[in-house]
Amino acid sequence: MLTRLHRAAAGLLLAAASTLANAGDAANAPLMRFVLPSVTPGSEVQVTYFHLLLRLALEKTDGPFSIEFYPHELTSPRRALELKRNGVINIMWDGTNAQREHDLLPIRISLVRDLNDYRVFMIRKEDEARFREVRSLADLRKLTAGAGVNWPSVDVLRHNGLPVETTVNYSSLFPMLKARRFDYMPRGVHEAWAEEQVYGKDGLMVEPSIFLHYRVPFYFFVSKDNKAMAQRVERGLKLAQADGSFDKLLNGYPAFQRALAEIAARKRKVFELELPSGTAGGSSR
């Protein structure tokens, strides 16, 4: 499902990409075609940012390109599988872990700086007082988290003794939380309030007193067969960092502004989680 906002953003992306493609056709340059995952409700603003960041990187490098959305929703495991075999999508953005870096080719520039390292909770509104009584990891271990089955967070949470209920479908997590299948869903501090706008009507809210903190860089990933694609995107991202346009794009999004302010306010309890040995990470350039 595409919202009006996402359709408009998609139209801008495709129009810009088509212009470059047409210019490249005149010079008989090869077209580099990017196919990205579709959008799920609650993620439109975040996804638009990653699309625009990719476009920014490509516009700073030579050669025509096109950007398209795969029209159907894919589960998280299916996205990784399709990308690994260079199937219906050929680039995605996600948190990293050892398995993902083994199967795919990461472009090691963190797309949201360190914002993905700070986690807030989506909870049921009636449980707000219950979470205010959580004062330690020992208290949190009495509750169950919800997550996508192959999200990098799952290994980190379990390594720290935190029970986790998983599902293959991101959009299923919200009705599962409402139905008390688990007690909270850790979300990146830059993600949660947009989701609250969508799912608040179902009695869900962002918990106001706790941060989990652990290192999970957010990268673009491509198939290991697409080294030229990875090199182009990395080169463009570095150029955008150097001229300030990367930070300008990120800082222009209210979701990221709110996330930075939430971290700077220092009003939340911060529970530091230990990473499993062999956890992927690397630079957050």
C-alpha atoms as a PDB file:
ATOM      1  CA  MET A   1       0.000   0.000   0.000  1.00  0.00           C
ATOM      2  CA  LEU A   2       1.358   3.416  -0.945  1.00  0.00           C
ATOM      3  CA  THR A   3       0.229   6.582   0.799  1.00  0.00           C
ATOM      4  CA  ARG A   4      -0.193   9.861  -1.040  1.00  0.00           C
ATOM      5  CA  LEU A   5       3.115  11.043   0.472  1.00  0.00           C
ATOM      6  CA  HIS A   6       4.945   7.981  -0.737  1.00  0.00           C
ATOM      7  CA  ARG A   7       3.377   8.101  -4.196  1.00  0.00           C
ATOM      8  CA  ALA A   8       4.490  11.696  -4.558  1.00  0.00           C
ATOM      9  CA  ALA A   9       8.012  10.880  -3.405  1.00  0.00           C
ATOM     10  CA  ALA A  10       8.129   7.876  -5.693  1.00  0.00           C
ATOM     11  CA  GLY A  11       7.044  10.049  -8.599  1.00  0.00           C
ATOM     12  CA  LEU A  12       9.822  12.533  -7.927  1.00  0.00           C
ATOM     13  CA  LEU A  13      12.379   9.774  -7.706  1.00  0.00           C
ATOM     14  CA  LEU A  14      11.264   8.107 -10.893  1.00  0.00           C
ATOM     15  CA  ALA A  15      11.086  11.404 -12.753  1.00  0.00           C
ATOM     16  CA  ALA A  16      14.614  12.335 -11.732  1.00  0.00           C
ATOM     17  CA  ALA A  17      15.901   8.873 -12.503  1.00  0.00           C
ATOM     18  CA  SER A  18      14.224   8.884 -15.910  1.00  0.00           C
ATOM     19  CA  THR A  19      15.816  12.225 -16.773  1.00  0.00           C
ATOM     20  CA  LEU A  20      19.242  10.840 -16.046  1.00  0.00           C
ATOM     21  CA  ALA A  21      18.468   7.657 -17.904  1.00  0.00           C
ATOM     22  CA  ASN A  22      17.427   9.589 -20.995  1.00  0.00           C
ATOM     23  CA  ALA A  23      20.567  11.717 -20.852  1.00  0.00           C
ATOM     24  CA  GLY A  24      22.644   8.581 -20.524  1.00  0.00           C
ATOM     25  CA  ASP A  25      20.892   6.895 -23.429  1.00  0.00           C
ATOM     26  CA  ALA A  26      22.058   9.701 -25.688  1.00  0.00           C
ATOM     27  CA  ALA A  27      25.638   8.917 -24.784  1.00  0.00           C
ATOM     28  CA  ASN A  28      25.050   5.144 -24.983  1.00  0.00           C
ATOM     29  CA  ALA A  29      26.144   4.791 -21.362  1.00  0.00           C
ATOM     30  CA  PRO A  30      24.932   1.702 -19.491  1.00  0.00           C
ATOM     31  CA  LEU A  31      21.909   2.257 -17.263  1.00  0.00           C
ATOM     32  CA  MET A  32      22.254   1.169 -13.624  1.00  0.00           C
ATOM     33  CA  ARG A  33      18.819   0.000 -12.439  1.00  0.00           C
ATOM     34  CA  PHE A  34      17.931  -0.006  -8.740  1.00  0.00           C
ATOM     35  CA  VAL A  35      14.883  -1.905  -7.465  1.00  0.00           C
ATOM     36  CA  LEU A  36      13.941  -1.250  -3.839  1.00  0.00           C
ATOM     37  CA  PRO A  37      11.468  -2.920  -1.457  1.00  0.00           C
ATOM     38  CA  SER A  38       7.894  -1.660  -1.200  1.00  0.00           C
ATOM     39  CA  VAL A  39       6.609   0.377   1.724  1.00  0.00           C
ATOM     40  CA  THR A  40       4.564  -0.744   4.729  1.00  0.00           C
ATOM     41  CA  PRO A  41       2.201   1.554   6.686  1.00  0.00           C
ATOM     42  CA  GLY A  42       4.047   3.574   9.336  1.00  0.00           C
ATOM     43  CA  SER A  43       7.357   3.542   7.484  1.00  0.00           C
ATOM     44  CA  GLU A  44       6.605   5.943   4.644  1.00  0.00           C
ATOM     45  CA  VAL A  45       8.586   8.940   5.897  1.00  0.00           C
ATOM     46  CA  GLN A  46      11.608   6.852   6.836  1.00  0.00           C
ATOM     47  CA  VAL A  47      11.563   4.974   3.546  1.00  0.00           C
ATOM     48  CA  THR A  48      11.288   8.202   1.568  1.00  0.00           C
ATOM     49  CA  TYR A  49      14.457   9.380   3.316  1.00  0.00           C
ATOM     50  CA  PHE A  50      16.407   6.281   2.240  1.00  0.00           C
ATOM     51  CA  HIS A  51      15.152   6.628  -1.326  1.00  0.00           C
ATOM     52  CA  LEU A  52      16.182  10.277  -1.431  1.00  0.00           C
ATOM     53  CA  LEU A  53      19.568   9.472   0.119  1.00  0.00           C
ATOM     54  CA  LEU A  54      20.185   6.836  -2.547  1.00  0.00           C
ATOM     55  CA  ARG A  55      19.176   9.286  -5.245  1.00  0.00           C
ATOM     56  CA  LEU A  56      21.504  11.928  -3.749  1.00  0.00           C
ATOM     57  CA  ALA A  57      24.425   9.492  -3.858  1.00  0.00           C
ATOM     58  CA  LEU A  58      23.691   8.469  -7.452  1.00  0.00           C
ATOM     59  CA  GLU A  59      23.352  12.048  -8.662  1.00  0.00           C
ATOM     60  CA  LYS A  60      26.849  12.771  -7.356  1.00  0.00           C
ATOM     61  CA  THR A  61      28.349   9.986  -9.474  1.00  0.00           C
ATOM     62  CA  ASP A  62      28.638   9.455 -13.203  1.00  0.00           C
ATOM     63  CA  GLY A  63      26.260   7.441 -15.339  1.00  0.00           C
ATOM     64  CA  PRO A  64      22.497   7.097 -15.856  1.00  0.00           C
ATOM     65  CA  PHE A  65      20.351   5.251 -13.339  1.00  0.00           C
ATOM     66  CA  SER A  66      16.757   4.360 -12.603  1.00  0.00           C
ATOM     67  CA  ILE A  67      15.078   3.828  -9.229  1.00  0.00           C
ATOM     68  CA  GLU A  68      11.965   1.668  -8.909  1.00  0.00           C
ATOM     69  CA  PHE A  69       9.877   0.191  -6.117  1.00  0.00           C
ATOM     70  CA  TYR A  70       9.009  -3.492  -6.129  1.00  0.00           C
ATOM     71  CA  PRO A  71       5.195  -3.288  -6.016  1.00  0.00           C
ATOM     72  CA  HIS A  72       4.496  -6.063  -3.479  1.00  0.00           C
ATOM     73  CA  GLU A  73       5.301  -6.308   0.216  1.00  0.00           C
ATOM     74  CA  LEU A  74       8.090  -8.746   1.079  1.00  0.00           C
ATOM     75  CA  THR A  75       8.744 -10.221   4.498  1.00  0.00           C
ATOM     76  CA  SER A  76      12.140  -9.465   6.001  1.00  0.00           C
ATOM     77  CA  PRO A  77      13.531 -12.984   5.302  1.00  0.00           C
ATOM     78  CA  ARG A  78      12.192 -12.840   1.727  1.00  0.00           C
ATOM     79  CA  ARG A  79      13.853  -9.442   1.133  1.00  0.00           C
ATOM     80  CA  ALA A  80      17.211 -10.840   2.229  1.00  0.00           C
ATOM     81  CA  LEU A  81      16.751 -13.951   0.059  1.00  0.00           C
ATOM     82  CA  GLU A  82      15.735 -11.970  -3.030  1.00  0.00           C
ATOM     83  CA  LEU A  83      18.679  -9.647  -2.578  1.00  0.00           C
ATOM     84  CA  LYS A  84      21.137 -12.508  -2.066  1.00  0.00           C
ATOM     85  CA  ARG A  85      20.113 -14.100  -5.361  1.00  0.00           C
ATOM     86  CA  ASN A  86      19.721 -10.726  -7.128  1.00  0.00           C
ATOM     87  CA  GLY A  87      16.017 -11.394  -7.582  1.00  0.00           C
ATOM     88  CA  VAL A  88      13.056  -8.984  -7.572  1.00  0.00           C
ATOM     89  CA  ILE A  89      14.994  -6.350  -5.580  1.00  0.00           C
ATOM     90  CA  ASN A  90      18.686  -5.509  -5.827  1.00  0.00           C
ATOM     91  CA  ILE A  91      19.266  -3.046  -2.966  1.00  0.00           C
ATOM     92  CA  MET A  92      17.844  -2.612   0.534  1.00  0.00           C
ATOM     93  CA  TRP A  93      18.594  -0.743   3.756  1.00  0.00           C
ATOM     94  CA  ASP A  94      18.661  -2.455   7.155  1.00  0.00           C
ATOM     95  CA  GLY A  95      20.548  -2.945  10.375  1.00  0.00           C
ATOM     96  CA  THR A  96      23.553  -5.194  10.043  1.00  0.00           C
ATOM     97  CA  ASN A  97      24.490  -8.490  11.645  1.00  0.00           C
ATOM     98  CA  ALA A  98      27.008 -11.247  10.965  1.00  0.00           C
ATOM     99  CA  GLN A  99      24.636 -13.385   8.892  1.00  0.00           C
ATOM    100  CA  ARG A 100      23.551 -10.460   6.740  1.00  0.00           C
ATOM    101  CA  GLU A 101      27.156  -9.489   6.063  1.00  0.00           C
ATOM    102  CA  HIS A 102      27.986 -13.106   5.218  1.00  0.00           C
ATOM    103  CA  ASP A 103      25.142 -13.372   2.693  1.00  0.00           C
ATOM    104  CA  LEU A 104      25.160  -9.850   1.243  1.00  0.00           C
ATOM    105  CA  LEU A 105      27.520  -7.001   0.398  1.00  0.00           C
ATOM    106  CA  PRO A 106      27.221  -4.130   2.914  1.00  0.00           C
ATOM    107  CA  ILE A 107      28.037  -0.550   1.987  1.00  0.00           C
ATOM    108  CA  ARG A 108      29.633   0.448   5.267  1.00  0.00           C
ATOM    109  CA  ILE A 109      28.345   3.970   5.738  1.00  0.00           C
ATOM    110  CA  SER A 110      25.731   4.268   8.474  1.00  0.00           C
ATOM    111  CA  LEU A 111      22.668   5.841   6.874  1.00  0.00           C
ATOM    112  CA  VAL A 112      21.251   7.336  10.086  1.00  0.00           C
ATOM    113  CA  ARG A 113      24.515   7.968  11.949  1.00  0.00           C
ATOM    114  CA  ASP A 114      24.091   6.419  15.424  1.00  0.00           C
ATOM    115  CA  LEU A 115      20.315   6.867  15.733  1.00  0.00           C
ATOM    116  CA  ASN A 116      19.667   3.176  15.141  1.00  0.00           C
ATOM    117  CA  ASP A 117      21.741   2.382  18.252  1.00  0.00           C
ATOM    118  CA  TYR A 118      19.060   3.885  20.508  1.00  0.00           C
ATOM    119  CA  ARG A 119      15.865   1.876  20.972  1.00  0.00           C
ATOM    120  CA  VAL A 120      12.570   2.955  22.447  1.00  0.00           C
ATOM    121  CA  PHE A 121       9.594   0.656  22.998  1.00  0.00           C
ATOM    122  CA  MET A 122       6.219   0.453  21.359  1.00  0.00           C
ATOM    123  CA  ILE A 123       3.842  -0.677  24.111  1.00  0.00           C
ATOM    124  CA  ARG A 124       0.150  -0.878  24.937  1.00  0.00           C
ATOM    125  CA  LYS A 125      -1.088   2.396  26.441  1.00  0.00           C
ATOM    126  CA  GLU A 126      -2.512   0.653  29.487  1.00  0.00           C
ATOM    127  CA  ASP A 127       0.975  -0.694  30.317  1.00  0.00           C
ATOM    128  CA  GLU A 128       2.716   2.697  30.652  1.00  0.00           C
ATOM    129  CA  ALA A 129       2.742   2.579  34.472  1.00  0.00           C
ATOM    130  CA  ARG A 130       4.067  -0.985  34.361  1.00  0.00           C
ATOM    131  CA  PHE A 131       7.100   0.095  32.329  1.00  0.00           C
ATOM    132  CA  ARG A 132       7.816   3.013  34.658  1.00  0.00           C
ATOM    133  CA  GLU A 133       8.524   0.356  37.287  1.00  0.00           C
ATOM    134  CA  VAL A 134      11.219  -1.220  35.089  1.00  0.00           C
ATOM    135  CA  ARG A 135      14.453  -0.008  36.669  1.00  0.00           C
ATOM    136  CA  SER A 136      16.982  -2.591  35.505  1.00  0.00           C
ATOM    137  CA  LEU A 137      17.646  -5.247  32.884  1.00  0.00           C
ATOM    138  CA  ALA A 138      16.600  -7.803  35.493  1.00  0.00           C
ATOM    139  CA  ASP A 139      13.168  -6.177  35.576  1.00  0.00           C
ATOM    140  CA  LEU A 140      13.004  -6.082  31.773  1.00  0.00           C
ATOM    141  CA  ARG A 141      13.832  -9.795  31.565  1.00  0.00           C
ATOM    142  CA  LYS A 142      10.430 -10.490  33.139  1.00  0.00           C
ATOM    143  CA  LEU A 143       8.790  -9.112  29.983  1.00  0.00           C
ATOM    144  CA  THR A 144       8.807 -10.358  26.391  1.00  0.00           C
ATOM    145  CA  ALA A 145       9.909  -8.355  23.352  1.00  0.00           C
ATOM    146  CA  GLY A 146       8.534  -8.688  19.825  1.00  0.00           C
ATOM    147  CA  ALA A 147      10.668  -8.493  16.674  1.00  0.00           C
ATOM    148  CA  GLY A 148      11.033  -9.634  13.090  1.00  0.00           C
ATOM    149  CA  VAL A 149      12.511 -13.105  12.880  1.00  0.00           C
ATOM    150  CA  ASN A 150      15.796 -12.089  11.251  1.00  0.00           C
ATOM    151  CA  TRP A 151      16.194  -8.589  12.678  1.00  0.00           C
ATOM    152  CA  PRO A 152      19.705  -7.975  14.046  1.00  0.00           C
ATOM    153  CA  SER A 153      18.142  -7.003  17.390  1.00  0.00           C
ATOM    154  CA  VAL A 154      16.921 -10.561  18.035  1.00  0.00           C
ATOM    155  CA  ASP A 155      20.413 -11.985  18.634  1.00  0.00           C
ATOM    156  CA  VAL A 156      21.362  -9.009  20.817  1.00  0.00           C
ATOM    157  CA  LEU A 157      18.247  -9.234  22.964  1.00  0.00           C
ATOM    158  CA  ARG A 158      18.558 -12.984  23.482  1.00  0.00           C
ATOM    159  CA  HIS A 159      22.277 -12.691  24.221  1.00  0.00           C
ATOM    160  CA  ASN A 160      21.326 -10.383  27.081  1.00  0.00           C
ATOM    161  CA  GLY A 161      18.707 -12.762  28.442  1.00  0.00           C
ATOM    162  CA  LEU A 162      15.695 -10.855  27.135  1.00  0.00           C
ATOM    163  CA  PRO A 163      12.865 -13.125  25.891  1.00  0.00           C
ATOM    164  CA  VAL A 164      11.769 -12.467  22.290  1.00  0.00           C
ATOM    165  CA  GLU A 165       8.705 -13.509  20.272  1.00  0.00           C
ATOM    166  CA  THR A 166       9.309 -13.313  16.512  1.00  0.00           C
ATOM    167  CA  THR A 167       7.343 -13.238  13.271  1.00  0.00           C
ATOM    168  CA  VAL A 168       8.327 -13.043   9.604  1.00  0.00           C
ATOM    169  CA  ASN A 169       6.033 -10.100   8.864  1.00  0.00           C
ATOM    170  CA  TYR A 170       6.753  -6.597  10.214  1.00  0.00           C
ATOM    171  CA  SER A 171       3.143  -5.444   9.912  1.00  0.00           C
ATOM    172  CA  SER A 172       1.976  -8.426  12.008  1.00  0.00           C
ATOM    173  CA  LEU A 173       3.928  -7.188  15.033  1.00  0.00           C
ATOM    174  CA  PHE A 174       1.476  -4.404  15.864  1.00  0.00           C
ATOM    175  CA  PRO A 175      -1.671  -6.569  16.118  1.00  0.00           C
ATOM    176  CA  MET A 176       0.410  -9.153  17.997  1.00  0.00           C
ATOM    177  CA  LEU A 177       1.402  -6.491  20.533  1.00  0.00           C
ATOM    178  CA  LYS A 178      -2.209  -5.346  20.854  1.00  0.00           C
ATOM    179  CA  ALA A 179      -3.283  -8.991  21.374  1.00  0.00           C
ATOM    180  CA  ARG A 180      -0.703  -9.418  24.197  1.00  0.00           C
ATOM    181  CA  ARG A 181       1.452 -11.928  22.353  1.00  0.00           C
ATOM    182  CA  PHE A 182       4.390  -9.959  23.793  1.00  0.00           C
ATOM    183  CA  ASP A 183       4.843  -6.856  25.963  1.00  0.00           C
ATOM    184  CA  TYR A 184       6.935  -4.401  23.960  1.00  0.00           C
ATOM    185  CA  MET A 185       8.567  -3.894  20.586  1.00  0.00           C
ATOM    186  CA  PRO A 186      12.006  -2.209  20.469  1.00  0.00           C
ATOM    187  CA  ARG A 187      12.124   0.375  17.689  1.00  0.00           C
ATOM    188  CA  GLY A 188      14.806   2.749  16.482  1.00  0.00           C
ATOM    189  CA  VAL A 189      14.351   6.158  18.095  1.00  0.00           C
ATOM    190  CA  HIS A 190      13.961   7.591  14.589  1.00  0.00           C
ATOM    191  CA  GLU A 191      11.191   5.119  13.668  1.00  0.00           C
ATOM    192  CA  ALA A 192       8.831   4.929  16.605  1.00  0.00           C
ATOM    193  CA  TRP A 193       6.757   8.122  16.487  1.00  0.00           C
ATOM    194  CA  ALA A 194       5.774   7.692  12.854  1.00  0.00           C
ATOM    195  CA  GLU A 195       4.538   4.213  13.772  1.00  0.00           C
ATOM    196  CA  GLU A 196       2.681   5.641  16.770  1.00  0.00           C
ATOM    197  CA  GLN A 197       0.810   7.970  14.421  1.00  0.00           C
ATOM    198  CA  VAL A 198      -0.433   4.948  12.492  1.00  0.00           C
ATOM    199  CA  TYR A 199      -1.035   2.489  15.337  1.00  0.00           C
ATOM    200  CA  GLY A 200      -1.927   4.834  18.207  1.00  0.00           C
ATOM    201  CA  LYS A 201      -5.597   4.378  17.286  1.00  0.00           C
ATOM    202  CA  ASP A 202      -5.123   0.702  18.201  1.00  0.00           C
ATOM    203  CA  GLY A 203      -4.107   1.555  21.740  1.00  0.00           C
ATOM    204  CA  LEU A 204      -0.337   1.547  21.171  1.00  0.00           C
ATOM    205  CA  MET A 205       2.171   4.228  22.184  1.00  0.00           C
ATOM    206  CA  VAL A 206       5.880   4.997  22.488  1.00  0.00           C
ATOM    207  CA  GLU A 207       7.064   4.217  26.030  1.00  0.00           C
ATOM    208  CA  PRO A 208       8.507   7.462  27.530  1.00  0.00           C
ATOM    209  CA  SER A 209      11.124   6.397  30.101  1.00  0.00           C
ATOM    210  CA  ILE A 210      13.571   3.781  28.703  1.00  0.00           C
ATOM    211  CA  PHE A 211      16.301   3.530  26.076  1.00  0.00           C
ATOM    212  CA  LEU A 212      18.022   0.319  25.060  1.00  0.00           C
ATOM    213  CA  HIS A 213      21.446   1.103  23.652  1.00  0.00           C
ATOM    214  CA  TYR A 214      23.520  -1.228  21.484  1.00  0.00           C
ATOM    215  CA  ARG A 215      25.495  -0.888  18.272  1.00  0.00           C
ATOM    216  CA  VAL A 216      23.485  -1.665  15.097  1.00  0.00           C
ATOM    217  CA  PRO A 217      24.703   0.339  12.068  1.00  0.00           C
ATOM    218  CA  PHE A 218      22.139   0.852   9.321  1.00  0.00           C
ATOM    219  CA  TYR A 219      23.587   0.188   5.844  1.00  0.00           C
ATOM    220  CA  PHE A 220      22.598  -0.191   2.231  1.00  0.00           C
ATOM    221  CA  PHE A 221      23.058  -3.813   1.123  1.00  0.00           C
ATOM    222  CA  VAL A 222      23.375  -5.292  -2.373  1.00  0.00           C
ATOM    223  CA  SER A 223      24.074  -8.734  -3.776  1.00  0.00           C
ATOM    224  CA  LYS A 224      27.693  -9.848  -3.654  1.00  0.00           C
ATOM    225  CA  ASP A 225      27.485 -10.024  -7.445  1.00  0.00           C
ATOM    226  CA  ASN A 226      26.806  -6.271  -7.638  1.00  0.00           C
ATOM    227  CA  LYS A 227      30.198  -4.858  -6.696  1.00  0.00           C
ATOM    228  CA  ALA A 228      29.968  -2.039  -9.265  1.00  0.00           C
ATOM    229  CA  MET A 229      26.640  -0.958  -7.798  1.00  0.00           C
ATOM    230  CA  ALA A 230      28.095  -1.001  -4.267  1.00  0.00           C
ATOM    231  CA  GLN A 231      31.131   1.012  -5.338  1.00  0.00           C
ATOM    232  CA  ARG A 232      29.003   3.662  -6.999  1.00  0.00           C
ATOM    233  CA  VAL A 233      26.669   4.072  -4.020  1.00  0.00           C
ATOM    234  CA  GLU A 234      29.582   4.195  -1.561  1.00  0.00           C
ATOM    235  CA  ARG A 235      31.390   6.785  -3.667  1.00  0.00           C
ATOM    236  CA  GLY A 236      28.281   8.944  -3.880  1.00  0.00           C
ATOM    237  CA  LEU A 237      27.579   8.716  -0.142  1.00  0.00           C
ATOM    238  CA  LYS A 238      31.146   9.770   0.657  1.00  0.00           C
ATOM    239  CA  LEU A 239      30.827  12.749  -1.681  1.00  0.00           C
ATOM    240  CA  ALA A 240      27.545  13.693   0.016  1.00  0.00           C
ATOM    241  CA  GLN A 241      29.220  13.480   3.424  1.00  0.00           C
ATOM    242  CA  ALA A 242      32.099  15.633   2.251  1.00  0.00           C
ATOM    243  CA  ASP A 243      29.945  18.448   0.853  1.00  0.00           C
ATOM    244  CA  GLY A 244      27.418  18.414   3.723  1.00  0.00           C
ATOM    245  CA  SER A 245      24.405  17.339   1.663  1.00  0.00           C
ATOM    246  CA  PHE A 246      24.122  14.003   3.527  1.00  0.00           C
ATOM    247  CA  ASP A 247      23.702  15.745   6.894  1.00  0.00           C
ATOM    248  CA  LYS A 248      21.444  18.382   5.365  1.00  0.00           C
ATOM    249  CA  LEU A 249      19.051  15.698   4.129  1.00  0.00           C
ATOM    250  CA  LEU A 250      19.070  13.802   7.429  1.00  0.00           C
ATOM    251  CA  ASN A 251      18.693  16.919   9.579  1.00  0.00           C
ATOM    252  CA  GLY A 252      15.797  18.117   7.420  1.00  0.00           C
ATOM    253  CA  TYR A 253      13.526  15.263   8.517  1.00  0.00           C
ATOM    254  CA  PRO A 254      11.352  15.955  11.600  1.00  0.00           C
ATOM    255  CA  ALA A 255      11.600  12.292  12.638  1.00  0.00           C
ATOM    256  CA  PHE A 256      15.374  12.549  12.872  1.00  0.00           C
ATOM    257  CA  GLN A 257      15.191  15.949  14.552  1.00  0.00           C
ATOM    258  CA  ARG A 258      12.928  14.484  17.213  1.00  0.00           C
ATOM    259  CA  ALA A 259      15.203  11.471  17.645  1.00  0.00           C
ATOM    260  CA  LEU A 260      18.276  13.658  18.161  1.00  0.00           C
ATOM    261  CA  ALA A 261      16.376  15.821  20.652  1.00  0.00           C
ATOM    262  CA  GLU A 262      15.169  12.739  22.540  1.00  0.00           C
ATOM    263  CA  ILE A 263      18.734  11.482  22.922  1.00  0.00           C
ATOM    264  CA  ALA A 264      20.084  14.914  23.889  1.00  0.00           C
ATOM    265  CA  ALA A 265      17.392  15.407  26.562  1.00  0.00           C
ATOM    266  CA  ARG A 266      18.905  12.625  28.719  1.00  0.00           C
ATOM    267  CA  LYS A 267      15.569  12.021  30.456  1.00  0.00           C
ATOM    268  CA  ARG A 268      15.409   8.266  29.922  1.00  0.00           C
ATOM    269  CA  LYS A 269      16.966   5.369  31.769  1.00  0.00           C
ATOM    270  CA  VAL A 270      19.584   3.821  29.464  1.00  0.00           C
ATOM    271  CA  PHE A 271      20.117   0.047  29.536  1.00  0.00           C
ATOM    272  CA  GLU A 272      23.353  -0.882  27.769  1.00  0.00           C
ATOM    273  CA  LEU A 273      23.241  -4.247  26.009  1.00  0.00           C
ATOM    274  CA  GLU A 274      26.273  -6.424  25.320  1.00  0.00           C
ATOM    275  CA  LEU A 275      26.789  -7.555  21.739  1.00  0.00           C
ATOM    276  CA  PRO A 276      27.272 -11.262  20.967  1.00  0.00           C
ATOM    277  CA  SER A 277      30.798 -12.229  19.965  1.00  0.00           C
ATOM    278  CA  GLY A 278      31.342 -11.979  16.228  1.00  0.00           C
ATOM    279  CA  THR A 279      28.642  -9.322  15.841  1.00  0.00           C
ATOM    280  CA  ALA A 280      29.037  -7.250  12.696  1.00  0.00           C
ATOM    281  CA  GLY A 281      29.391  -3.533  13.153  1.00  0.00           C
ATOM    282  CA  GLY A 282      32.220  -1.564  11.723  1.00  0.00           C
ATOM    283  CA  SER A 283      32.256   2.087  10.853  1.00  0.00           C
ATOM    284  CA  SER A 284      29.369   4.481  11.350  1.00  0.00           C
ATOM    285  CA  ARG A 285      30.904   7.010   8.969  1.00  0.00           C
END
